[in-house]
Amino acid sequence: MKRVFRIDALRCAKCGSERRWIAAITSVEAVAKILDHLELPSALIQPSPPRAPPQAEFEFEGC
């Protein structure tokens, strides 16, 4: 995140102190439980199917 957004995720925005990386939660069920507890949406959103690329319009004049 630091390289892309210029945000140091391991530094407190309020006081500037360093944070420690404790864990990475990879279980979908655990993440859903945490989000439900925080009363945040936890349902997976199904993305729309991709659309076809726009058709290039070729205009031939005088052919």
N, C-alpha and C. Protein backbone atom coordinates (compact mmCIF):
# COMPACT_ATOMS: atom_id res chain seq x y z
N MET A 1 0.82 -1.19 0.00
CA MET A 1 0.00 0.00 0.00
C MET A 1 0.86 1.26 0.00
N LYS A 2 2.01 1.14 0.60
CA LYS A 2 2.88 2.31 0.67
C LYS A 2 3.34 2.75 -0.71
N ARG A 3 3.71 1.77 -1.56
CA ARG A 3 4.17 2.11 -2.90
C ARG A 3 3.05 2.62 -3.79
N VAL A 4 1.89 1.99 -3.71
CA VAL A 4 0.80 2.33 -4.62
C VAL A 4 0.05 3.57 -4.17
N PHE A 5 -0.36 3.60 -2.89
CA PHE A 5 -1.21 4.69 -2.41
C PHE A 5 -0.47 5.73 -1.58
N ARG A 6 0.84 5.51 -1.38
CA ARG A 6 1.65 6.39 -0.53
C ARG A 6 1.08 6.48 0.89
N ILE A 7 0.60 5.32 1.37
CA ILE A 7 0.06 5.23 2.73
C ILE A 7 0.85 4.15 3.46
N ASP A 8 1.41 4.49 4.60
CA ASP A 8 2.11 3.50 5.40
C ASP A 8 1.09 2.86 6.33
N ALA A 9 0.64 1.65 5.99
CA ALA A 9 -0.39 0.97 6.76
C ALA A 9 0.09 0.55 8.14
N LEU A 10 1.39 0.50 8.32
CA LEU A 10 1.93 0.10 9.62
C LEU A 10 2.37 1.30 10.46
N ARG A 11 1.83 2.47 10.17
CA ARG A 11 2.11 3.66 10.96
C ARG A 11 0.77 4.32 11.31
N CYS A 12 0.58 4.65 12.57
CA CYS A 12 -0.66 5.27 13.04
C CYS A 12 -0.81 6.67 12.43
N ALA A 13 -1.98 6.93 11.84
CA ALA A 13 -2.22 8.23 11.21
C ALA A 13 -2.39 9.34 12.25
N LYS A 14 -2.78 8.98 13.47
CA LYS A 14 -3.01 9.99 14.52
C LYS A 14 -1.73 10.39 15.24
N CYS A 15 -0.99 9.38 15.73
CA CYS A 15 0.18 9.70 16.55
C CYS A 15 1.51 9.41 15.87
N GLY A 16 1.50 8.66 14.75
CA GLY A 16 2.72 8.38 14.02
C GLY A 16 3.52 7.20 14.54
N SER A 17 3.03 6.52 15.58
CA SER A 17 3.78 5.37 16.11
C SER A 17 3.65 4.17 15.16
N GLU A 18 4.61 3.24 15.28
CA GLU A 18 4.62 2.07 14.42
C GLU A 18 3.64 1.02 14.93
N ARG A 19 2.97 0.36 13.97
CA ARG A 19 2.09 -0.75 14.30
C ARG A 19 2.82 -2.05 13.99
N ARG A 20 2.34 -3.15 14.59
CA ARG A 20 2.92 -4.45 14.32
C ARG A 20 1.94 -5.29 13.52
N TRP A 21 2.47 -6.10 12.61
CA TRP A 21 1.66 -7.05 11.84
C TRP A 21 1.42 -8.24 12.75
N ILE A 22 0.16 -8.53 13.07
CA ILE A 22 -0.15 -9.62 13.99
C ILE A 22 -0.55 -10.88 13.22
N ALA A 23 -1.49 -10.74 12.28
CA ALA A 23 -1.96 -11.92 11.56
C ALA A 23 -2.64 -11.50 10.26
N ALA A 24 -2.75 -12.46 9.36
CA ALA A 24 -3.51 -12.28 8.12
C ALA A 24 -4.66 -13.29 8.17
N ILE A 25 -5.87 -12.80 8.10
CA ILE A 25 -7.03 -13.68 8.18
C ILE A 25 -7.40 -14.10 6.75
N THR A 26 -7.33 -15.39 6.50
CA THR A 26 -7.62 -15.89 5.16
C THR A 26 -8.88 -16.74 5.10
N SER A 27 -9.46 -17.06 6.24
CA SER A 27 -10.67 -17.87 6.29
C SER A 27 -11.89 -17.00 5.98
N VAL A 28 -12.65 -17.39 4.97
CA VAL A 28 -13.85 -16.62 4.59
C VAL A 28 -14.84 -16.58 5.74
N GLU A 29 -14.99 -17.69 6.44
CA GLU A 29 -15.94 -17.75 7.56
C GLU A 29 -15.53 -16.81 8.69
N ALA A 30 -14.23 -16.76 8.99
CA ALA A 30 -13.74 -15.89 10.06
C ALA A 30 -13.93 -14.43 9.69
N VAL A 31 -13.66 -14.09 8.46
CA VAL A 31 -13.84 -12.71 8.01
C VAL A 31 -15.32 -12.32 8.08
N ALA A 32 -16.20 -13.22 7.67
CA ALA A 32 -17.65 -12.95 7.72
C ALA A 32 -18.10 -12.74 9.16
N LYS A 33 -17.60 -13.55 10.10
CA LYS A 33 -17.98 -13.39 11.51
C LYS A 33 -17.54 -12.03 12.05
N ILE A 34 -16.32 -11.63 11.70
CA ILE A 34 -15.80 -10.34 12.18
C ILE A 34 -16.62 -9.20 11.60
N LEU A 35 -16.91 -9.25 10.30
CA LEU A 35 -17.70 -8.18 9.67
C LEU A 35 -19.11 -8.14 10.24
N ASP A 36 -19.72 -9.30 10.47
CA ASP A 36 -21.06 -9.35 11.07
C ASP A 36 -21.03 -8.72 12.47
N HIS A 37 -20.01 -9.03 13.24
CA HIS A 37 -19.89 -8.47 14.59
C HIS A 37 -19.76 -6.95 14.55
N LEU A 38 -19.06 -6.44 13.55
CA LEU A 38 -18.88 -5.00 13.41
C LEU A 38 -20.06 -4.34 12.69
N GLU A 39 -21.08 -5.15 12.38
CA GLU A 39 -22.28 -4.69 11.67
C GLU A 39 -21.93 -4.07 10.32
N LEU A 40 -21.02 -4.74 9.62
CA LEU A 40 -20.62 -4.34 8.27
C LEU A 40 -21.10 -5.42 7.30
N PRO A 41 -21.35 -5.07 6.05
CA PRO A 41 -21.81 -6.08 5.09
C PRO A 41 -20.77 -7.19 4.90
N SER A 42 -21.25 -8.42 4.96
CA SER A 42 -20.33 -9.55 4.82
C SER A 42 -20.70 -10.48 3.67
N ALA A 43 -21.80 -10.19 3.00
CA ALA A 43 -22.23 -11.05 1.89
C ALA A 43 -21.31 -10.84 0.70
N LEU A 44 -20.95 -11.96 0.05
CA LEU A 44 -20.12 -11.87 -1.14
C LEU A 44 -20.93 -11.27 -2.28
N ILE A 45 -20.34 -10.36 -2.99
CA ILE A 45 -21.01 -9.72 -4.12
C ILE A 45 -20.56 -10.44 -5.39
N GLN A 46 -21.53 -10.90 -6.17
CA GLN A 46 -21.21 -11.56 -7.43
C GLN A 46 -21.00 -10.49 -8.50
N PRO A 47 -19.84 -10.46 -9.10
CA PRO A 47 -19.59 -9.45 -10.13
C PRO A 47 -20.43 -9.72 -11.37
N SER A 48 -20.74 -8.68 -12.07
CA SER A 48 -21.48 -8.81 -13.33
C SER A 48 -20.59 -9.52 -14.34
N PRO A 49 -21.19 -10.25 -15.27
CA PRO A 49 -20.36 -10.89 -16.29
C PRO A 49 -19.69 -9.84 -17.17
N PRO A 50 -18.51 -10.13 -17.66
CA PRO A 50 -17.82 -9.14 -18.48
C PRO A 50 -18.56 -8.90 -19.79
N ARG A 51 -18.47 -7.69 -20.26
CA ARG A 51 -19.13 -7.37 -21.53
C ARG A 51 -18.11 -7.49 -22.66
N ALA A 52 -18.61 -7.61 -23.83
CA ALA A 52 -17.74 -7.72 -25.00
C ALA A 52 -17.05 -6.38 -25.25
N PRO A 53 -15.87 -6.39 -25.81
CA PRO A 53 -15.22 -5.12 -26.12
C PRO A 53 -16.00 -4.38 -27.20
N PRO A 54 -15.91 -3.07 -27.19
CA PRO A 54 -16.64 -2.31 -28.22
C PRO A 54 -16.13 -2.66 -29.61
N GLN A 55 -17.05 -2.71 -30.53
CA GLN A 55 -16.70 -3.04 -31.90
C GLN A 55 -16.09 -1.80 -32.56
N ALA A 56 -14.95 -1.97 -33.14
CA ALA A 56 -14.30 -0.85 -33.83
C ALA A 56 -15.07 -0.56 -35.12
N GLU A 57 -15.36 0.69 -35.32
CA GLU A 57 -16.09 1.07 -36.52
C GLU A 57 -15.07 1.59 -37.53
N PHE A 58 -15.05 0.95 -38.67
CA PHE A 58 -14.13 1.36 -39.74
C PHE A 58 -14.91 2.12 -40.78
N GLU A 59 -14.51 3.34 -40.98
CA GLU A 59 -15.16 4.15 -42.01
C GLU A 59 -14.24 4.25 -43.21
N PHE A 60 -14.66 3.66 -44.30
CA PHE A 60 -13.88 3.70 -45.54
C PHE A 60 -14.51 4.71 -46.48
N GLU A 61 -13.75 5.69 -46.86
CA GLU A 61 -14.25 6.70 -47.75
C GLU A 61 -13.62 6.50 -49.13
N GLY A 62 -14.45 6.44 -50.13
CA GLY A 62 -13.98 6.38 -51.51
C GLY A 62 -13.36 5.07 -51.92
N CYS A 63 -13.67 4.02 -51.26
CA CYS A 63 -13.08 2.72 -51.66
C CYS A 63 -14.02 2.01 -52.60
